[in-house]
Amino acid sequence: MTTRAATAAAVFTVLALAGCHSTTSSSGPEGTAHAAPAQATTTSTTAASSGQLPVGPGPQAHYTVQGQASPGSCHYRHEGGQPLPDVKCTPGAISPAVTQSNLASTICKTGYTATIRPSSYVTGREKLANAASYGYTGPMGDAEYDHQVSLELGGDPNDPRNLWVEPPSPGHKPGSGPNNDKDKVENRLHTAVCAHTVTLARAQSAIATDWTTALAALGLT
């Protein structure tokens, strides 16, 4: 192979590995966000398809605004009219700080999630960028910037793979603020995990797969 041909082949390989998934980033007084590397999307997709959830960085003392997928690159799914996230953009991600052995001192401890939740300064900016990623054009006040695997189930607090702009459930009254049926499922699963009737891993997997069928999948209906 000639030197010119080898160089061209190397450039093509780099471009192929980079992929077409671009991200937007934001900056502000709390720090500059860095777009997630292209490889992260591939890893997330592979993990989701294999049934293994990605593991995020976990709780941080100082959260920064995270880069989001490029506008229009994520697509909602629906089950029985209920909104579901794009599995490639939002497969869900879990926190390494929450394990089956430390439930009593983490998610089953009253007030725990408040200690790890990112500030509205951070999530507010991420929400706007993520709405563009999903092409959401409804009232922002009616949409919830939701953890796919909720904090009360050990979801990662600020991994972009675990957050999405969730449109209102069917029958929602416009202008009444976020009120999604997924919240009730999260509460039921949290109760089951803390009662040790369902393992943490099974609850996390069920809600990440499809929150509308999670309770039935675990025999909790």
Protein backbone atom coordinates (compact mmCIF):
# COMPACT_ATOMS: atom_id res chain seq x y z
CA MET A 1 0.00 0.00 0.00
CA THR A 2 1.37 3.45 -0.92
CA THR A 3 1.83 6.14 1.74
CA ARG A 4 -1.01 8.21 0.19
CA ALA A 5 -3.37 5.21 0.18
CA ALA A 6 -2.48 4.31 3.76
CA THR A 7 -3.20 7.88 4.89
CA ALA A 8 -6.58 7.90 3.14
CA ALA A 9 -7.49 4.58 4.71
CA ALA A 10 -6.56 5.86 8.16
CA VAL A 11 -8.72 8.98 7.73
CA PHE A 12 -11.68 6.86 6.57
CA THR A 13 -11.28 4.60 9.64
CA VAL A 14 -11.29 7.58 12.02
CA LEU A 15 -14.43 9.03 10.41
CA ALA A 16 -16.19 5.67 10.55
CA LEU A 17 -15.41 5.24 14.23
CA ALA A 18 -16.61 8.75 15.02
CA GLY A 19 -20.08 7.94 13.69
CA CYS A 20 -22.83 10.37 12.87
CA HIS A 21 -24.07 10.98 16.43
CA SER A 22 -23.27 14.57 17.27
CA THR A 23 -23.93 16.38 20.53
CA THR A 24 -24.51 19.90 21.69
CA SER A 25 -22.84 21.31 24.74
CA SER A 26 -23.60 24.18 27.07
CA SER A 27 -21.54 26.24 29.41
CA GLY A 28 -22.20 28.43 32.38
CA PRO A 29 -20.93 29.45 35.82
CA GLU A 30 -21.17 25.88 37.10
CA GLY A 31 -18.77 24.61 34.47
CA THR A 32 -18.50 23.77 30.81
CA ALA A 33 -20.19 20.67 29.53
CA HIS A 34 -18.37 18.29 27.27
CA ALA A 35 -20.20 16.46 24.51
CA ALA A 36 -20.40 12.76 25.18
CA PRO A 37 -17.89 10.83 23.05
CA ALA A 38 -19.34 9.13 20.00
CA GLN A 39 -18.38 5.74 21.42
CA ALA A 40 -20.76 6.26 24.35
CA THR A 41 -23.80 5.88 22.12
CA THR A 42 -22.50 2.64 20.66
CA THR A 43 -21.73 1.31 24.13
CA SER A 44 -25.17 2.31 25.42
CA THR A 45 -26.96 0.65 22.53
CA THR A 46 -24.98 -2.56 22.95
CA ALA A 47 -25.62 -2.61 26.68
CA ALA A 48 -29.34 -2.01 26.22
CA SER A 49 -29.67 -4.79 23.67
CA SER A 50 -27.80 -7.24 25.91
CA GLY A 51 -29.97 -6.45 28.92
CA GLN A 52 -27.13 -4.79 30.82
CA LEU A 53 -27.64 -1.16 31.78
CA PRO A 54 -24.80 1.33 31.40
CA VAL A 55 -23.18 2.47 34.64
CA GLY A 56 -22.86 6.23 34.99
CA PRO A 57 -20.42 8.29 37.05
CA GLY A 58 -22.73 8.40 40.06
CA PRO A 59 -23.41 11.31 42.45
CA GLN A 60 -21.11 14.30 42.08
CA ALA A 61 -20.22 17.10 44.46
CA HIS A 62 -20.36 19.48 41.51
CA TYR A 63 -22.57 18.72 38.50
CA THR A 64 -21.97 20.29 35.10
CA VAL A 65 -24.33 20.70 32.16
CA GLN A 66 -24.02 17.61 29.97
CA GLY A 67 -23.98 17.57 26.19
CA GLN A 68 -27.08 16.21 24.45
CA ALA A 69 -27.74 14.39 21.19
CA SER A 70 -28.04 16.54 18.08
CA PRO A 71 -31.45 18.11 17.36
CA GLY A 72 -34.00 15.70 15.89
CA SER A 73 -31.79 12.64 16.33
CA CYS A 74 -33.91 11.01 19.08
CA HIS A 75 -37.42 9.66 18.51
CA TYR A 76 -40.19 8.92 20.97
CA ARG A 77 -41.84 5.52 21.06
CA HIS A 78 -45.34 4.91 22.38
CA GLU A 79 -47.02 2.02 24.16
CA GLY A 80 -50.76 2.32 24.72
CA GLY A 81 -50.46 6.02 24.00
CA GLN A 82 -47.83 6.46 26.73
CA PRO A 83 -44.47 8.02 25.77
CA LEU A 84 -41.27 5.98 25.87
CA PRO A 85 -37.74 7.23 25.15
CA ASP A 86 -35.49 6.34 22.26
CA VAL A 87 -33.45 3.31 23.38
CA LYS A 88 -30.39 4.55 21.54
CA CYS A 89 -30.46 8.01 23.11
CA THR A 90 -31.84 7.10 26.53
CA PRO A 91 -31.27 3.43 27.41
CA GLY A 92 -31.08 4.30 31.09
CA ALA A 93 -27.97 4.38 33.28
CA ILE A 94 -27.49 3.30 36.87
CA SER A 95 -25.46 4.78 39.70
CA PRO A 96 -22.48 2.80 40.99
CA ALA A 97 -23.21 4.25 44.45
CA VAL A 98 -26.40 2.19 44.87
CA THR A 99 -26.17 -1.58 45.30
CA GLN A 100 -28.35 -4.36 46.64
CA SER A 101 -26.21 -4.48 49.78
CA ASN A 102 -26.48 -0.78 50.69
CA LEU A 103 -30.18 -0.09 50.05
CA ALA A 104 -30.81 0.89 53.67
CA SER A 105 -28.26 3.71 53.50
CA THR A 106 -29.10 4.89 49.99
CA ILE A 107 -32.42 4.78 48.17
CA CYS A 108 -34.39 3.30 51.07
CA LYS A 109 -33.20 6.07 53.41
CA THR A 110 -35.64 8.96 53.66
CA GLY A 111 -34.30 12.06 51.92
CA TYR A 112 -31.48 10.30 50.05
CA THR A 113 -32.47 11.39 46.54
CA ALA A 114 -32.55 15.06 47.57
CA THR A 115 -28.86 14.83 48.46
CA ILE A 116 -27.81 13.65 45.00
CA ARG A 117 -30.19 15.50 42.67
CA PRO A 118 -28.53 17.97 40.25
CA SER A 119 -29.55 21.61 40.60
CA SER A 120 -32.22 23.14 38.40
CA TYR A 121 -29.50 25.37 36.93
CA VAL A 122 -27.92 22.28 35.40
CA THR A 123 -31.04 20.31 34.51
CA GLY A 124 -32.87 23.33 33.15
CA ARG A 125 -30.25 23.84 30.47
CA GLU A 126 -30.03 20.16 29.72
CA LYS A 127 -33.81 19.96 29.39
CA LEU A 128 -33.90 22.63 26.69
CA ALA A 129 -31.17 20.91 24.68
CA ASN A 130 -32.75 17.48 25.15
CA ALA A 131 -36.13 18.79 23.99
CA ALA A 132 -34.42 19.74 20.74
CA SER A 133 -32.83 16.27 20.58
CA TYR A 134 -36.28 14.69 20.75
CA GLY A 135 -38.04 17.33 18.69
CA TYR A 136 -40.38 18.14 21.57
CA THR A 137 -42.34 21.30 20.79
CA GLY A 138 -45.05 21.22 23.46
CA PRO A 139 -45.15 23.45 26.56
CA MET A 140 -41.93 22.95 28.50
CA GLY A 141 -43.80 23.35 31.76
CA ASP A 142 -45.90 20.27 30.98
CA ALA A 143 -42.91 18.07 30.16
CA GLU A 144 -40.76 16.39 32.78
CA TYR A 145 -37.00 16.09 32.44
CA ASP A 146 -37.16 12.56 33.68
CA HIS A 147 -34.67 9.97 34.86
CA GLN A 148 -35.35 6.84 32.82
CA VAL A 149 -34.17 4.79 35.80
CA SER A 150 -35.44 7.00 38.61
CA LEU A 151 -33.21 8.22 41.41
CA GLU A 152 -35.32 6.24 43.88
CA LEU A 153 -34.35 3.10 41.94
CA GLY A 154 -30.64 3.90 41.83
CA GLY A 155 -30.59 5.67 38.48
CA ASP A 156 -27.59 7.84 37.70
CA PRO A 157 -28.29 11.48 38.64
CA ASN A 158 -26.88 13.27 35.59
CA ASP A 159 -25.75 10.80 32.95
CA PRO A 160 -27.34 11.97 29.66
CA ARG A 161 -28.14 8.34 28.87
CA ASN A 162 -30.55 8.39 31.82
CA LEU A 163 -32.44 11.64 31.20
CA TRP A 164 -35.07 12.58 28.63
CA VAL A 165 -37.81 15.15 28.12
CA GLU A 166 -40.91 13.09 28.86
CA PRO A 167 -44.12 14.43 27.27
CA PRO A 168 -47.32 14.39 29.35
CA SER A 169 -49.36 11.19 29.59
CA PRO A 170 -52.63 10.97 27.64
CA GLY A 171 -55.46 12.99 29.17
CA HIS A 172 -53.10 15.52 30.69
CA LYS A 173 -54.60 19.00 31.09
CA PRO A 174 -52.39 21.51 29.23
CA GLY A 175 -50.77 24.02 31.52
CA SER A 176 -51.16 21.92 34.66
CA GLY A 177 -47.49 21.00 34.88
CA PRO A 178 -45.76 17.60 34.73
CA ASN A 179 -48.00 14.75 35.80
CA ASN A 180 -46.91 11.45 34.33
CA ASP A 181 -48.17 7.95 35.00
CA LYS A 182 -44.56 6.72 35.06
CA ASP A 183 -44.14 8.32 38.49
CA LYS A 184 -46.66 5.87 40.00
CA VAL A 185 -44.73 2.93 38.56
CA GLU A 186 -41.48 4.27 40.01
CA ASN A 187 -43.06 4.54 43.46
CA ARG A 188 -44.43 0.98 43.33
CA LEU A 189 -41.06 -0.40 42.29
CA HIS A 190 -39.25 1.57 45.00
CA THR A 191 -41.58 0.13 47.64
CA ALA A 192 -41.01 -3.40 46.32
CA VAL A 193 -37.23 -3.02 46.25
CA CYS A 194 -37.09 -1.64 49.79
CA ALA A 195 -39.38 -4.43 50.98
CA HIS A 196 -36.99 -6.93 49.33
CA THR A 197 -39.76 -8.48 47.25
CA VAL A 198 -37.95 -7.47 44.05
CA THR A 199 -34.20 -7.10 43.57
CA LEU A 200 -32.74 -3.74 42.64
CA ALA A 201 -31.31 -5.07 39.38
CA ARG A 202 -34.64 -6.54 38.24
CA ALA A 203 -36.51 -3.33 39.00
CA GLN A 204 -33.93 -1.23 37.17
CA SER A 205 -34.00 -3.50 34.13
CA ALA A 206 -37.81 -3.62 34.01
CA ILE A 207 -38.34 0.13 34.08
CA ALA A 208 -35.54 0.78 31.60
CA THR A 209 -36.99 -1.76 29.18
CA ASP A 210 -40.57 -0.42 29.23
CA TRP A 211 -42.04 1.42 32.20
CA THR A 212 -45.59 0.67 31.02
CA THR A 213 -45.03 -3.09 31.44
CA ALA A 214 -42.55 -3.04 34.34
CA LEU A 215 -45.05 -3.91 37.08
CA ALA A 216 -46.57 -6.77 35.10
CA ALA A 217 -43.13 -8.11 34.21
CA LEU A 218 -42.27 -8.31 37.89
CA GLY A 219 -45.62 -9.71 39.01
CA LEU A 220 -46.62 -6.56 40.86
CA THR A 221 -49.97 -5.87 39.20
